Protein backbone atom coordinates (compact mmCIF):
# COMPACT_ATOMS: atom_id res chain seq x y z
CA UNK A 1 111.07 89.37 221.84
CA UNK A 2 109.97 86.79 224.38
CA UNK A 3 112.17 84.98 226.87
CA UNK A 4 111.57 81.53 228.37
CA UNK A 5 112.69 81.17 231.96
CA UNK A 6 113.07 77.68 233.41
CA UNK A 7 113.73 77.61 237.14
CA UNK A 8 114.63 74.42 238.95
CA UNK A 9 113.89 74.99 242.63
CA UNK A 10 113.52 73.05 245.88
CA UNK A 11 109.99 71.55 246.02
CA UNK A 12 109.30 73.30 249.33
CA UNK A 13 110.06 76.67 247.67
CA UNK A 14 107.86 76.20 244.59
CA UNK A 15 104.71 77.69 246.14
CA UNK A 16 106.70 80.73 247.34
CA UNK A 17 108.01 81.27 243.81
CA UNK A 18 104.56 80.83 242.24
CA UNK A 19 103.04 83.35 244.65
CA UNK A 20 105.87 85.83 244.08
CA UNK A 21 105.52 85.55 240.30
CA UNK A 22 101.75 86.06 240.55
CA UNK A 23 102.23 89.13 242.76
CA UNK A 24 104.84 90.48 240.33
CA UNK A 25 102.43 90.21 237.40
CA UNK A 26 103.59 86.91 235.88
CA UNK A 27 100.62 84.54 236.40
CA UNK A 28 101.38 82.16 233.50
CA UNK A 29 103.64 79.38 234.80
CA UNK A 30 103.96 75.69 234.04
CA UNK A 31 104.99 73.55 237.01
CA UNK A 32 106.23 70.01 237.01
CA UNK A 33 108.15 67.64 239.26
CA UNK A 34 111.61 66.61 238.15
CA UNK A 35 114.50 64.66 239.60
CA UNK A 36 118.17 65.09 239.02
CA UNK A 37 121.40 66.26 240.51
CA UNK A 38 123.68 69.21 240.19
CA UNK A 39 127.25 69.67 241.30
CA UNK A 40 126.54 67.88 244.56
CA UNK A 41 126.23 64.54 242.68
CA UNK A 42 123.39 63.42 244.89
CA UNK A 43 123.14 63.05 248.65
CA UNK A 44 124.67 60.39 250.86
CA UNK A 45 122.76 59.56 254.03
CA UNK A 46 124.51 56.88 256.03
CA UNK A 47 125.41 54.09 253.64
CA UNK A 48 122.78 55.05 251.06
CA UNK A 49 123.50 57.44 248.19
CA UNK A 50 120.57 59.14 246.47
CA UNK A 51 121.73 60.02 242.94
CA UNK A 52 118.53 61.80 241.98
CA UNK A 53 117.08 64.53 244.15
CA UNK A 54 113.47 65.71 243.77
CA UNK A 55 113.10 69.28 242.49
CA UNK A 56 110.36 71.36 240.89
CA UNK A 57 110.74 73.02 237.51
CA UNK A 58 108.80 76.20 236.84
CA UNK A 59 108.60 77.47 233.28
CA UNK A 60 107.38 80.89 232.23
CA UNK A 61 107.59 83.06 229.13
CA UNK A 62 107.99 86.80 229.64
CA UNK A 63 108.69 89.81 227.45
CA UNK A 64 112.34 90.81 227.14
CA UNK A 65 111.93 94.05 229.15
CA UNK A 66 110.55 92.01 232.08
CA UNK A 67 113.37 89.45 232.02
CA UNK A 68 115.58 90.79 234.82
CA UNK A 69 112.63 91.57 237.10
CA UNK A 70 111.18 88.06 236.66
CA UNK A 71 114.56 86.44 237.35
CA UNK A 72 115.12 88.59 240.44
CA UNK A 73 111.62 87.65 241.68
CA UNK A 74 112.38 83.94 241.31
CA UNK A 75 115.77 84.20 243.01
CA UNK A 76 114.39 86.10 245.99
CA UNK A 77 111.50 83.65 246.47
CA UNK A 78 113.55 80.47 245.93
CA UNK A 79 116.68 81.35 247.90
CA UNK A 80 117.17 79.69 251.28
CA UNK A 81 118.10 82.30 253.87
CA UNK A 82 119.74 85.63 253.11
CA UNK A 83 122.74 84.19 251.26
CA UNK A 84 121.22 81.04 249.80
CA UNK A 85 122.26 77.44 250.26
CA UNK A 86 123.78 74.65 248.21
CA UNK A 87 121.00 73.00 246.18
CA UNK A 88 118.69 76.04 245.93
CA UNK A 89 118.47 75.46 242.17
CA UNK A 90 119.25 76.98 238.78
CA UNK A 91 117.59 79.31 236.30
CA UNK A 92 117.95 78.78 232.56
CA UNK A 93 117.04 81.58 230.14
CA UNK A 94 116.43 81.14 226.39
CA UNK A 95 114.91 83.19 223.58
CA UNK A 96 111.52 82.14 222.23
CA UNK A 97 111.39 82.13 218.44
CA UNK A 98 107.71 81.40 217.87
CA UNK A 99 104.50 80.96 219.86
CA UNK A 100 101.24 79.45 218.59
CA UNK A 101 97.86 79.26 220.29
CA UNK A 102 96.68 75.68 219.84
CA UNK A 103 92.93 76.39 219.89
CA UNK A 104 93.08 78.96 217.08
CA UNK A 105 96.30 77.94 215.35
CA UNK A 106 97.29 81.60 215.31
CA UNK A 107 100.93 82.57 215.57
CA UNK A 108 101.31 85.16 218.31
CA UNK A 109 103.29 88.32 217.74
CA UNK A 110 106.50 88.41 219.71
CA UNK A 111 107.47 91.97 218.99
CA UNK A 112 108.06 94.18 221.99
CA UNK A 113 105.36 96.68 222.78
CA UNK A 114 106.38 100.26 223.42
């Protein structure tokens, strides 16, 4: 089985996470800029409230046995300081049902390898 991991991180931490994933053996990552807000409901600076905060989303698909290691790698690279800080981000994990290679049209096997 394959697992899709979507990590929403601070933009200034994205390169740290990408490097950590590469070093950990997870080179395949899709990166894109997103905006949004979490529990903080935006940021107020003076009289101006910013409802949408820039973040970076990193998406990767890993094999089920690598799931916890990949998540730990992301958390360690994305966390601000030893204990983390408000707004460091979120990680969403979902199962991947099917994968197709566009160039060949071949459905990839998702069974775990022993």
